[in-house]
Amino acid sequence: MRISESYDQAMAAGSMNGSHSPQCDARCVGIVIAVPEPMAGELKAARASFGDPMAALIPAHITLVTTTETDDWEATLKHVRKVAAAQEPFRVTLEGTATFRPVSPVVFLNVDEGFDECTALHKELQSGPLARDLTFPFHPHVTVAHDVSEQSMDEAVRRLGSYSAGFTVDCVGLYEHDATGLWKLQEHVRLGSGKQPD
């Protein structure tokens, strides 16, 4: 998988997890797995068809670390590289739909194969300099409709209910939320290059 230039540009224009990011007093980090083409384009078109305005701004992705403050960028970068190096590339399959309703107005694609690897990566990444309490338990997914009408969410569940696709994850995108409120790609961090020294 290669995170494309268009993905980087779109993420810069948008926000992590399809919603406006909270104000950060320090530097903020987000870490994602990009869904590659042609799946990304298919899911963008589907999300737009459900009336979700974020479709044009947020490319399809799996969030591993949502907006998290850090006061030590060098320690954060070292931490992310070390965690990534210890994880070999793995396969992700997206199978059918589910929803976070009524807790949150979100319809998403299930991560089937690769669920455990995404969860393990999240656990390791969201530790050390990025440790913080989360509002909800981590659940890897790809959002396909967010904050649209109930009818549109029902349509998303129905139309993508039989969706099935897969790809290999060999890197993650490390983003910084800058002073202008945009997400800026800092590094494509490769997986599986071997454990780095402490």
N, C-alpha and C. Protein backbone atom coordinates (compact mmCIF):
# COMPACT_ATOMS: atom_id res chain seq x y z
N MET A 1 0.84 -1.18 0.00
CA MET A 1 0.00 0.00 0.00
C MET A 1 0.87 1.23 0.00
N ARG A 2 0.54 2.21 -0.84
CA ARG A 2 1.26 3.48 -0.86
C ARG A 2 0.26 4.59 -0.64
N ILE A 3 0.50 5.45 0.34
CA ILE A 3 -0.39 6.57 0.57
C ILE A 3 -0.12 7.59 -0.53
N SER A 4 -1.13 7.86 -1.33
CA SER A 4 -0.95 8.68 -2.52
C SER A 4 -0.84 10.16 -2.18
N GLU A 5 -0.34 10.94 -3.13
CA GLU A 5 -0.23 12.39 -2.94
C GLU A 5 -1.61 12.99 -2.75
N SER A 6 -2.61 12.49 -3.51
CA SER A 6 -3.95 13.02 -3.38
C SER A 6 -4.49 12.76 -1.98
N TYR A 7 -4.14 11.62 -1.40
CA TYR A 7 -4.56 11.32 -0.03
C TYR A 7 -3.96 12.34 0.93
N ASP A 8 -2.67 12.60 0.77
CA ASP A 8 -2.00 13.55 1.65
C ASP A 8 -2.64 14.93 1.55
N GLN A 9 -2.94 15.37 0.33
CA GLN A 9 -3.52 16.69 0.13
C GLN A 9 -4.91 16.76 0.74
N ALA A 10 -5.69 15.71 0.55
CA ALA A 10 -7.05 15.71 1.07
C ALA A 10 -7.06 15.66 2.59
N MET A 11 -6.15 14.88 3.19
CA MET A 11 -6.08 14.84 4.64
C MET A 11 -5.68 16.20 5.19
N ALA A 12 -4.83 16.91 4.45
CA ALA A 12 -4.42 18.24 4.89
C ALA A 12 -5.61 19.19 4.91
N ALA A 13 -6.55 18.99 3.99
CA ALA A 13 -7.71 19.86 3.91
C ALA A 13 -8.79 19.47 4.90
N GLY A 14 -8.72 18.24 5.39
CA GLY A 14 -9.78 17.74 6.25
C GLY A 14 -9.35 17.59 7.67
N SER A 15 -9.97 16.60 8.35
CA SER A 15 -9.67 16.39 9.75
C SER A 15 -9.71 14.92 10.08
N MET A 16 -9.05 14.52 11.14
CA MET A 16 -8.99 13.13 11.53
C MET A 16 -10.34 12.66 12.01
N ASN A 17 -10.77 11.47 11.53
CA ASN A 17 -12.02 10.86 11.97
C ASN A 17 -13.25 11.57 11.44
N GLY A 18 -13.11 12.40 10.41
CA GLY A 18 -14.28 12.98 9.79
C GLY A 18 -14.97 14.06 10.61
N SER A 19 -14.33 14.64 11.57
CA SER A 19 -14.94 15.70 12.36
C SER A 19 -13.89 16.73 12.70
N HIS A 20 -14.33 17.93 13.06
CA HIS A 20 -13.37 18.97 13.40
C HIS A 20 -12.57 18.58 14.64
N SER A 21 -11.29 18.83 14.60
CA SER A 21 -10.41 18.43 15.68
C SER A 21 -10.48 19.42 16.82
N PRO A 22 -10.31 18.95 18.06
CA PRO A 22 -10.31 19.87 19.19
C PRO A 22 -9.08 20.76 19.16
N GLN A 23 -9.19 21.90 19.84
CA GLN A 23 -8.05 22.80 19.94
C GLN A 23 -6.93 22.14 20.74
N CYS A 24 -5.72 22.20 20.22
CA CYS A 24 -4.58 21.60 20.92
C CYS A 24 -3.72 22.70 21.52
N ASP A 25 -3.38 22.53 22.77
CA ASP A 25 -2.47 23.47 23.42
C ASP A 25 -1.02 23.18 23.04
N ALA A 26 -0.75 21.92 22.68
CA ALA A 26 0.58 21.52 22.23
C ALA A 26 0.45 20.98 20.81
N ARG A 27 1.50 20.36 20.30
CA ARG A 27 1.40 19.73 18.99
C ARG A 27 0.49 18.52 19.10
N CYS A 28 -0.31 18.30 18.06
CA CYS A 28 -1.23 17.16 18.05
C CYS A 28 -0.85 16.18 16.96
N VAL A 29 -1.06 14.91 17.26
CA VAL A 29 -0.68 13.81 16.37
C VAL A 29 -1.93 13.03 15.97
N GLY A 30 -1.93 12.54 14.74
CA GLY A 30 -2.91 11.56 14.28
C GLY A 30 -2.19 10.53 13.44
N ILE A 31 -2.59 9.27 13.55
CA ILE A 31 -1.93 8.19 12.80
C ILE A 31 -3.00 7.34 12.12
N VAL A 32 -2.85 7.12 10.81
CA VAL A 32 -3.87 6.41 10.05
C VAL A 32 -3.26 5.38 9.11
N ILE A 33 -4.12 4.43 8.72
CA ILE A 33 -3.85 3.53 7.61
C ILE A 33 -4.72 4.00 6.46
N ALA A 34 -4.12 4.34 5.34
CA ALA A 34 -4.88 4.77 4.17
C ALA A 34 -5.43 3.57 3.41
N VAL A 35 -6.66 3.69 2.94
CA VAL A 35 -7.22 2.69 2.03
C VAL A 35 -6.76 3.05 0.62
N PRO A 36 -6.10 2.14 -0.09
CA PRO A 36 -5.53 2.48 -1.40
C PRO A 36 -6.58 2.47 -2.51
N GLU A 37 -6.19 2.99 -3.67
CA GLU A 37 -7.02 2.89 -4.87
C GLU A 37 -7.02 1.45 -5.38
N PRO A 38 -8.06 1.01 -6.07
CA PRO A 38 -9.26 1.78 -6.44
C PRO A 38 -10.32 1.84 -5.35
N MET A 39 -10.08 1.18 -4.23
CA MET A 39 -11.10 1.15 -3.17
C MET A 39 -11.38 2.54 -2.63
N ALA A 40 -10.34 3.36 -2.48
CA ALA A 40 -10.52 4.70 -1.93
C ALA A 40 -11.48 5.52 -2.78
N GLY A 41 -11.33 5.45 -4.09
CA GLY A 41 -12.21 6.19 -4.99
C GLY A 41 -13.64 5.68 -4.95
N GLU A 42 -13.78 4.36 -4.87
CA GLU A 42 -15.11 3.77 -4.78
C GLU A 42 -15.83 4.22 -3.51
N LEU A 43 -15.11 4.20 -2.41
CA LEU A 43 -15.73 4.55 -1.13
C LEU A 43 -15.99 6.06 -1.03
N LYS A 44 -15.13 6.87 -1.65
CA LYS A 44 -15.38 8.31 -1.70
C LYS A 44 -16.68 8.60 -2.43
N ALA A 45 -16.86 7.95 -3.58
CA ALA A 45 -18.09 8.16 -4.36
C ALA A 45 -19.32 7.69 -3.59
N ALA A 46 -19.19 6.55 -2.92
CA ALA A 46 -20.32 6.03 -2.15
C ALA A 46 -20.66 6.98 -1.01
N ARG A 47 -19.64 7.45 -0.29
CA ARG A 47 -19.88 8.36 0.84
C ARG A 47 -20.54 9.64 0.36
N ALA A 48 -20.10 10.16 -0.77
CA ALA A 48 -20.71 11.37 -1.32
C ALA A 48 -22.17 11.13 -1.69
N SER A 49 -22.47 9.95 -2.21
CA SER A 49 -23.84 9.64 -2.62
C SER A 49 -24.80 9.58 -1.44
N PHE A 50 -24.27 9.40 -0.24
CA PHE A 50 -25.12 9.39 0.95
C PHE A 50 -25.31 10.80 1.53
N GLY A 51 -24.75 11.80 0.83
CA GLY A 51 -24.91 13.19 1.26
C GLY A 51 -23.94 13.64 2.32
N ASP A 52 -22.84 12.91 2.47
CA ASP A 52 -21.85 13.25 3.49
C ASP A 52 -20.86 14.26 2.91
N PRO A 53 -20.86 15.52 3.38
CA PRO A 53 -19.96 16.53 2.81
C PRO A 53 -18.49 16.26 3.08
N MET A 54 -18.19 15.38 4.05
CA MET A 54 -16.79 15.08 4.34
C MET A 54 -16.17 14.14 3.32
N ALA A 55 -16.99 13.60 2.42
CA ALA A 55 -16.48 12.66 1.41
C ALA A 55 -15.37 13.29 0.57
N ALA A 56 -15.51 14.58 0.27
CA ALA A 56 -14.52 15.26 -0.57
C ALA A 56 -13.26 15.63 0.19
N LEU A 57 -13.33 15.60 1.53
CA LEU A 57 -12.21 16.06 2.35
C LEU A 57 -11.45 14.94 3.05
N ILE A 58 -12.15 13.86 3.37
CA ILE A 58 -11.55 12.80 4.16
C ILE A 58 -11.48 11.51 3.35
N PRO A 59 -10.32 11.15 2.81
CA PRO A 59 -10.20 9.89 2.09
C PRO A 59 -10.42 8.71 3.03
N ALA A 60 -10.81 7.58 2.46
CA ALA A 60 -11.08 6.38 3.26
C ALA A 60 -9.82 5.96 4.02
N HIS A 61 -9.98 5.71 5.31
CA HIS A 61 -8.83 5.34 6.14
C HIS A 61 -9.29 4.65 7.40
N ILE A 62 -8.34 4.00 8.06
CA ILE A 62 -8.54 3.43 9.39
C ILE A 62 -7.71 4.26 10.35
N THR A 63 -8.36 4.89 11.32
CA THR A 63 -7.63 5.67 12.31
C THR A 63 -7.03 4.74 13.36
N LEU A 64 -5.74 4.87 13.59
CA LEU A 64 -5.07 4.13 14.66
C LEU A 64 -4.91 4.98 15.91
N VAL A 65 -4.57 6.25 15.72
CA VAL A 65 -4.47 7.21 16.83
C VAL A 65 -5.20 8.47 16.40
N THR A 66 -6.28 8.80 17.10
CA THR A 66 -6.99 10.03 16.83
C THR A 66 -6.29 11.19 17.55
N THR A 67 -6.77 12.39 17.33
CA THR A 67 -6.10 13.61 17.80
C THR A 67 -5.56 13.48 19.23
N THR A 68 -4.24 13.51 19.34
CA THR A 68 -3.57 13.33 20.63
C THR A 68 -2.44 14.34 20.77
N GLU A 69 -2.44 15.06 21.88
CA GLU A 69 -1.40 16.06 22.12
C GLU A 69 -0.08 15.40 22.49
N THR A 70 1.00 16.04 22.09
CA THR A 70 2.33 15.64 22.53
C THR A 70 3.16 16.87 22.79
N ASP A 71 3.95 16.83 23.86
CA ASP A 71 4.83 17.96 24.15
C ASP A 71 6.29 17.64 23.85
N ASP A 72 6.51 16.46 23.23
CA ASP A 72 7.88 16.05 22.88
C ASP A 72 7.81 15.36 21.53
N TRP A 73 8.01 16.13 20.47
CA TRP A 73 7.87 15.58 19.12
C TRP A 73 8.92 14.52 18.82
N GLU A 74 10.15 14.75 19.23
CA GLU A 74 11.21 13.79 18.94
C GLU A 74 10.93 12.45 19.62
N ALA A 75 10.46 12.49 20.86
CA ALA A 75 10.11 11.25 21.56
C ALA A 75 8.94 10.56 20.88
N THR A 76 7.98 11.34 20.40
CA THR A 76 6.83 10.78 19.70
C THR A 76 7.26 10.10 18.41
N LEU A 77 8.10 10.77 17.64
CA LEU A 77 8.56 10.21 16.38
C LEU A 77 9.33 8.91 16.62
N LYS A 78 10.21 8.90 17.60
CA LYS A 78 10.97 7.70 17.93
C LYS A 78 10.03 6.57 18.35
N HIS A 79 9.03 6.90 19.14
CA HIS A 79 8.05 5.92 19.61
C HIS A 79 7.28 5.30 18.44
N VAL A 80 6.77 6.14 17.54
CA VAL A 80 5.98 5.64 16.41
C VAL A 80 6.84 4.76 15.51
N ARG A 81 8.06 5.18 15.23
CA ARG A 81 8.95 4.38 14.39
C ARG A 81 9.26 3.03 15.03
N LYS A 82 9.46 3.02 16.34
CA LYS A 82 9.77 1.77 17.03
C LYS A 82 8.60 0.80 16.99
N VAL A 83 7.39 1.32 17.25
CA VAL A 83 6.19 0.47 17.21
C VAL A 83 5.98 -0.08 15.80
N ALA A 84 6.12 0.77 14.80
CA ALA A 84 5.91 0.34 13.41
C ALA A 84 6.94 -0.70 13.00
N ALA A 85 8.17 -0.51 13.42
CA ALA A 85 9.23 -1.45 13.04
C ALA A 85 8.98 -2.84 13.60
N ALA A 86 8.31 -2.92 14.74
CA ALA A 86 8.05 -4.22 15.38
C ALA A 86 6.85 -4.95 14.79
N GLN A 87 6.09 -4.27 13.91
CA GLN A 87 4.90 -4.87 13.30
C GLN A 87 5.17 -5.20 11.84
N GLU A 88 5.07 -6.46 11.48
CA GLU A 88 5.25 -6.84 10.09
C GLU A 88 4.04 -6.39 9.26
N PRO A 89 4.22 -6.14 7.95
CA PRO A 89 3.08 -5.84 7.09
C PRO A 89 1.99 -6.91 7.23
N PHE A 90 0.75 -6.51 7.09
CA PHE A 90 -0.35 -7.44 7.27
C PHE A 90 -1.49 -7.13 6.32
N ARG A 91 -2.38 -8.08 6.20
CA ARG A 91 -3.52 -8.00 5.30
C ARG A 91 -4.75 -7.46 6.04
N VAL A 92 -5.46 -6.54 5.40
CA VAL A 92 -6.73 -6.04 5.91
C VAL A 92 -7.83 -6.37 4.90
N THR A 93 -8.93 -6.91 5.39
CA THR A 93 -10.12 -7.07 4.55
C THR A 93 -11.26 -6.27 5.16
N LEU A 94 -12.04 -5.65 4.29
CA LEU A 94 -13.21 -4.87 4.69
C LEU A 94 -14.44 -5.66 4.26
N GLU A 95 -15.29 -5.99 5.22
CA GLU A 95 -16.42 -6.88 4.95
C GLU A 95 -17.71 -6.32 5.54
N GLY A 96 -18.59 -5.81 4.67
CA GLY A 96 -19.92 -5.41 5.09
C GLY A 96 -19.94 -4.19 6.00
N THR A 97 -21.14 -3.83 6.44
CA THR A 97 -21.33 -2.60 7.19
C THR A 97 -21.81 -2.86 8.62
N ALA A 98 -21.61 -1.84 9.44
CA ALA A 98 -22.15 -1.80 10.80
C ALA A 98 -22.32 -0.33 11.16
N THR A 99 -22.85 -0.05 12.34
CA THR A 99 -23.08 1.34 12.73
C THR A 99 -22.82 1.52 14.21
N PHE A 100 -22.43 2.74 14.58
CA PHE A 100 -22.27 3.09 15.98
C PHE A 100 -23.55 3.71 16.56
N ARG A 101 -24.60 3.81 15.75
CA ARG A 101 -25.86 4.33 16.27
C ARG A 101 -26.38 3.46 17.40
N PRO A 102 -27.05 4.01 18.40
CA PRO A 102 -27.43 5.42 18.57
C PRO A 102 -26.37 6.28 19.28
N VAL A 103 -25.25 5.65 19.65
CA VAL A 103 -24.22 6.41 20.39
C VAL A 103 -23.61 7.49 19.51
N SER A 104 -23.35 7.16 18.24
CA SER A 104 -22.73 8.10 17.31
C SER A 104 -23.31 7.87 15.92
N PRO A 105 -23.62 8.95 15.17
CA PRO A 105 -24.25 8.81 13.85
C PRO A 105 -23.25 8.43 12.76
N VAL A 106 -22.74 7.22 12.84
CA VAL A 106 -21.70 6.75 11.93
C VAL A 106 -22.06 5.37 11.38
N VAL A 107 -21.90 5.20 10.07
CA VAL A 107 -21.95 3.89 9.43
C VAL A 107 -20.55 3.60 8.91
N PHE A 108 -20.10 2.36 9.08
CA PHE A 108 -18.73 2.04 8.72
C PHE A 108 -18.62 0.65 8.11
N LEU A 109 -17.51 0.42 7.45
CA LEU A 109 -17.14 -0.91 6.97
C LEU A 109 -16.37 -1.62 8.06
N ASN A 110 -16.71 -2.90 8.26
CA ASN A 110 -16.02 -3.71 9.25
C ASN A 110 -14.61 -4.08 8.78
N VAL A 111 -13.66 -4.00 9.68
CA VAL A 111 -12.34 -4.58 9.45
C VAL A 111 -12.42 -6.02 9.94
N ASP A 112 -12.27 -6.96 9.01
CA ASP A 112 -12.36 -8.38 9.35
C ASP A 112 -10.94 -8.91 9.57
N GLU A 113 -10.31 -9.40 8.50
CA GLU A 113 -8.90 -9.77 8.61
C GLU A 113 -8.10 -8.50 8.91
N GLY A 114 -7.17 -8.59 9.83
CA GLY A 114 -6.37 -7.43 10.22
C GLY A 114 -6.91 -6.69 11.44
N PHE A 115 -8.08 -7.12 11.94
CA PHE A 115 -8.66 -6.47 13.12
C PHE A 115 -7.70 -6.53 14.31
N ASP A 116 -7.16 -7.72 14.56
CA ASP A 116 -6.27 -7.89 15.71
C ASP A 116 -4.98 -7.07 15.55
N GLU A 117 -4.44 -7.03 14.32
CA GLU A 117 -3.22 -6.27 14.09
C GLU A 117 -3.46 -4.77 14.28
N CYS A 118 -4.61 -4.27 13.77
CA CYS A 118 -4.93 -2.85 13.96
C CYS A 118 -5.09 -2.53 15.44
N THR A 119 -5.76 -3.42 16.17
CA THR A 119 -5.98 -3.21 17.59
C THR A 119 -4.67 -3.21 18.35
N ALA A 120 -3.79 -4.14 18.00
CA ALA A 120 -2.48 -4.21 18.66
C ALA A 120 -1.64 -2.97 18.35
N LEU A 121 -1.67 -2.53 17.08
CA LEU A 121 -0.94 -1.32 16.71
C LEU A 121 -1.46 -0.12 17.48
N HIS A 122 -2.78 0.01 17.55
CA HIS A 122 -3.37 1.11 18.31
C HIS A 122 -2.90 1.09 19.76
N LYS A 123 -2.96 -0.09 20.38
CA LYS A 123 -2.58 -0.21 21.79
C LYS A 123 -1.14 0.22 22.01
N GLU A 124 -0.25 -0.21 21.12
CA GLU A 124 1.17 0.14 21.27
C GLU A 124 1.43 1.61 20.95
N LEU A 125 0.76 2.11 19.90
CA LEU A 125 0.97 3.51 19.52
C LEU A 125 0.41 4.47 20.56
N GLN A 126 -0.77 4.14 21.10
CA GLN A 126 -1.42 5.02 22.07
C GLN A 126 -0.87 4.76 23.47
N SER A 127 0.44 4.73 23.57
CA SER A 127 1.13 4.53 24.84
C SER A 127 2.33 5.46 24.88
N GLY A 128 3.09 5.40 25.98
CA GLY A 128 4.27 6.26 26.06
C GLY A 128 3.92 7.72 25.89
N PRO A 129 4.58 8.42 24.97
CA PRO A 129 4.32 9.85 24.79
C PRO A 129 2.94 10.16 24.22
N LEU A 130 2.23 9.13 23.71
CA LEU A 130 0.89 9.34 23.16
C LEU A 130 -0.20 8.72 24.04
N ALA A 131 0.15 8.36 25.25
CA ALA A 131 -0.84 7.75 26.16
C ALA A 131 -1.90 8.77 26.56
N ARG A 132 -3.16 8.37 26.48
CA ARG A 132 -4.27 9.20 26.98
C ARG A 132 -5.52 8.34 27.07
N ASP A 133 -6.48 8.81 27.85
CA ASP A 133 -7.76 8.13 27.96
C ASP A 133 -8.64 8.50 26.77
N LEU A 134 -9.35 7.50 26.23
CA LEU A 134 -10.24 7.72 25.10
C LEU A 134 -11.69 7.70 25.56
N THR A 135 -12.54 8.46 24.86
CA THR A 135 -13.95 8.52 25.20
C THR A 135 -14.64 7.18 24.94
N PHE A 136 -14.25 6.53 23.83
CA PHE A 136 -14.84 5.25 23.46
C PHE A 136 -13.74 4.21 23.26
N PRO A 137 -14.05 2.93 23.46
CA PRO A 137 -13.07 1.88 23.17
C PRO A 137 -12.67 1.90 21.70
N PHE A 138 -11.42 1.56 21.43
CA PHE A 138 -10.94 1.54 20.05
C PHE A 138 -11.63 0.43 19.27
N HIS A 139 -12.08 0.76 18.05
CA HIS A 139 -12.71 -0.22 17.17
C HIS A 139 -12.31 0.11 15.74
N PRO A 140 -11.37 -0.63 15.15
CA PRO A 140 -10.91 -0.29 13.79
C PRO A 140 -12.06 -0.38 12.79
N HIS A 141 -12.16 0.63 11.92
CA HIS A 141 -13.25 0.68 10.95
C HIS A 141 -12.91 1.71 9.87
N VAL A 142 -13.70 1.70 8.80
CA VAL A 142 -13.61 2.71 7.75
C VAL A 142 -14.97 3.39 7.65
N THR A 143 -15.02 4.66 7.98
CA THR A 143 -16.29 5.40 7.95
C THR A 143 -16.77 5.58 6.52
N VAL A 144 -18.07 5.33 6.29
CA VAL A 144 -18.67 5.53 4.96
C VAL A 144 -19.83 6.52 5.02
N ALA A 145 -20.30 6.87 6.20
CA ALA A 145 -21.33 7.91 6.35
C ALA A 145 -21.25 8.43 7.78
N HIS A 146 -21.28 9.75 7.90
CA HIS A 146 -21.15 10.36 9.22
C HIS A 146 -22.05 11.58 9.32
N ASP A 147 -22.90 11.60 10.34
CA ASP A 147 -23.73 12.77 10.63
C ASP A 147 -24.60 13.16 9.44
N VAL A 148 -25.20 12.17 8.78
CA VAL A 148 -26.18 12.42 7.73
C VAL A 148 -27.54 11.96 8.26
N SER A 149 -28.58 12.06 7.44
CA SER A 149 -29.92 11.70 7.89
C SER A 149 -30.01 10.20 8.20
N GLU A 150 -30.99 9.84 9.01
CA GLU A 150 -31.22 8.43 9.33
C GLU A 150 -31.48 7.64 8.05
N GLN A 151 -32.23 8.22 7.13
CA GLN A 151 -32.52 7.55 5.86
C GLN A 151 -31.24 7.28 5.08
N SER A 152 -30.35 8.27 5.05
CA SER A 152 -29.08 8.10 4.32
C SER A 152 -28.19 7.06 5.00
N MET A 153 -28.20 7.04 6.33
CA MET A 153 -27.41 6.02 7.03
C MET A 153 -27.97 4.63 6.77
N ASP A 154 -29.29 4.51 6.76
CA ASP A 154 -29.90 3.22 6.43
C ASP A 154 -29.52 2.78 5.02
N GLU A 155 -29.48 3.76 4.09
CA GLU A 155 -29.10 3.46 2.72
C GLU A 155 -27.64 3.00 2.64
N ALA A 156 -26.77 3.63 3.42
CA ALA A 156 -25.36 3.22 3.44
C ALA A 156 -25.21 1.80 3.95
N VAL A 157 -25.94 1.48 5.02
CA VAL A 157 -25.90 0.12 5.58
C VAL A 157 -26.35 -0.88 4.51
N ARG A 158 -27.41 -0.56 3.79
CA ARG A 158 -27.97 -1.49 2.81
C ARG A 158 -27.07 -1.64 1.58
N ARG A 159 -26.66 -0.52 1.01
CA ARG A 159 -25.93 -0.57 -0.26
C ARG A 159 -24.54 -1.17 -0.12
N LEU A 160 -23.90 -0.95 1.01
CA LEU A 160 -22.55 -1.47 1.19
C LEU A 160 -22.52 -2.72 2.07
N GLY A 161 -23.70 -3.27 2.33
CA GLY A 161 -23.79 -4.43 3.21
C GLY A 161 -23.03 -5.65 2.71
N SER A 162 -22.89 -5.76 1.39
CA SER A 162 -22.16 -6.90 0.83
C SER A 162 -20.76 -6.50 0.34
N TYR A 163 -20.31 -5.32 0.71
CA TYR A 163 -18.99 -4.86 0.27
C TYR A 163 -17.90 -5.79 0.80
N SER A 164 -16.94 -6.10 -0.07
CA SER A 164 -15.82 -6.97 0.31
C SER A 164 -14.59 -6.58 -0.49
N ALA A 165 -13.52 -6.25 0.19
CA ALA A 165 -12.27 -5.87 -0.47
C ALA A 165 -11.13 -6.04 0.51
N GLY A 166 -9.91 -6.08 -0.02
CA GLY A 166 -8.76 -6.25 0.85
C GLY A 166 -7.52 -5.59 0.29
N PHE A 167 -6.55 -5.36 1.16
CA PHE A 167 -5.28 -4.75 0.75
C PHE A 167 -4.23 -5.06 1.81
N THR A 168 -2.97 -4.85 1.43
CA THR A 168 -1.85 -5.08 2.35
C THR A 168 -1.41 -3.76 2.95
N VAL A 169 -1.23 -3.75 4.25
CA VAL A 169 -0.76 -2.56 4.96
C VAL A 169 0.75 -2.70 5.19
N ASP A 170 1.52 -1.79 4.64
CA ASP A 170 2.97 -1.84 4.87
C ASP A 170 3.52 -0.52 5.39
N CYS A 171 2.63 0.45 5.68
CA CYS A 171 3.07 1.70 6.29
C CYS A 171 1.87 2.37 6.94
N VAL A 172 2.16 3.34 7.80
CA VAL A 172 1.13 4.18 8.39
C VAL A 172 1.50 5.63 8.16
N GLY A 173 0.50 6.50 8.15
CA GLY A 173 0.74 7.92 7.96
C GLY A 173 0.74 8.66 9.29
N LEU A 174 1.83 9.35 9.59
CA LEU A 174 1.96 10.14 10.81
C LEU A 174 1.68 11.59 10.46
N TYR A 175 0.62 12.15 11.06
CA TYR A 175 0.19 13.51 10.77
C TYR A 175 0.32 14.40 12.00
N GLU A 176 0.56 15.69 11.71
CA GLU A 176 0.57 16.70 12.76
C GLU A 176 -0.54 17.70 12.48
N HIS A 177 -1.28 18.06 13.52
CA HIS A 177 -2.31 19.10 13.43
C HIS A 177 -1.62 20.43 13.66
N ASP A 178 -1.50 21.24 12.60
CA ASP A 178 -0.67 22.45 12.72
C ASP A 178 -1.48 23.64 13.23
N ALA A 179 -0.80 24.78 13.35
CA ALA A 179 -1.40 25.97 13.96
C ALA A 179 -2.55 26.53 13.13
N THR A 180 -2.62 26.19 11.85
CA THR A 180 -3.70 26.68 10.99
C THR A 180 -4.93 25.79 11.07
N GLY A 181 -4.84 24.68 11.82
CA GLY A 181 -5.97 23.78 11.96
C GLY A 181 -6.02 22.68 10.93
N LEU A 182 -4.97 22.53 10.13
CA LEU A 182 -4.92 21.50 9.10
C LEU A 182 -4.02 20.35 9.54
N TRP A 183 -4.28 19.19 8.94
CA TRP A 183 -3.43 18.02 9.18
C TRP A 183 -2.31 17.99 8.16
N LYS A 184 -1.09 17.94 8.63
CA LYS A 184 0.08 17.93 7.75
C LYS A 184 0.82 16.60 7.90
N LEU A 185 1.03 15.93 6.78
CA LEU A 185 1.77 14.68 6.82
C LEU A 185 3.22 14.94 7.22
N GLN A 186 3.69 14.23 8.24
CA GLN A 186 5.08 14.35 8.67
C GLN A 186 5.93 13.20 8.16
N GLU A 187 5.34 12.01 8.08
CA GLU A 187 6.15 10.87 7.64
C GLU A 187 5.27 9.68 7.28
N HIS A 188 5.64 8.96 6.22
CA HIS A 188 5.12 7.63 5.97
C HIS A 188 6.03 6.67 6.73
N VAL A 189 5.50 6.03 7.76
CA VAL A 189 6.33 5.18 8.61
C VAL A 189 6.13 3.73 8.17
N ARG A 190 7.21 3.13 7.72
CA ARG A 190 7.13 1.77 7.20
C ARG A 190 6.99 0.75 8.33
N LEU A 191 6.32 -0.35 8.03
CA LEU A 191 6.19 -1.43 8.97
C LEU A 191 7.25 -2.49 8.74
N GLY A 192 7.66 -3.15 9.81
CA GLY A 192 8.44 -4.37 9.71
C GLY A 192 9.88 -4.25 9.35
N SER A 193 10.52 -3.13 9.65
CA SER A 193 11.94 -2.98 9.32
C SER A 193 12.83 -3.49 10.45
N GLY A 194 12.22 -4.09 11.46
CA GLY A 194 13.00 -4.61 12.58
C GLY A 194 12.95 -3.68 13.77
N LYS A 195 13.07 -4.23 14.95
CA LYS A 195 12.99 -3.42 16.18
C LYS A 195 14.16 -2.46 16.25
N GLN A 196 13.84 -1.22 16.64
CA GLN A 196 14.87 -0.21 16.77
C GLN A 196 15.34 -0.16 18.23
N PRO A 197 16.58 0.24 18.45
CA PRO A 197 17.09 0.29 19.81
C PRO A 197 16.38 1.35 20.64
N ASP A 198 16.34 1.16 21.94
CA ASP A 198 15.72 2.15 22.84
C ASP A 198 16.60 3.40 22.92
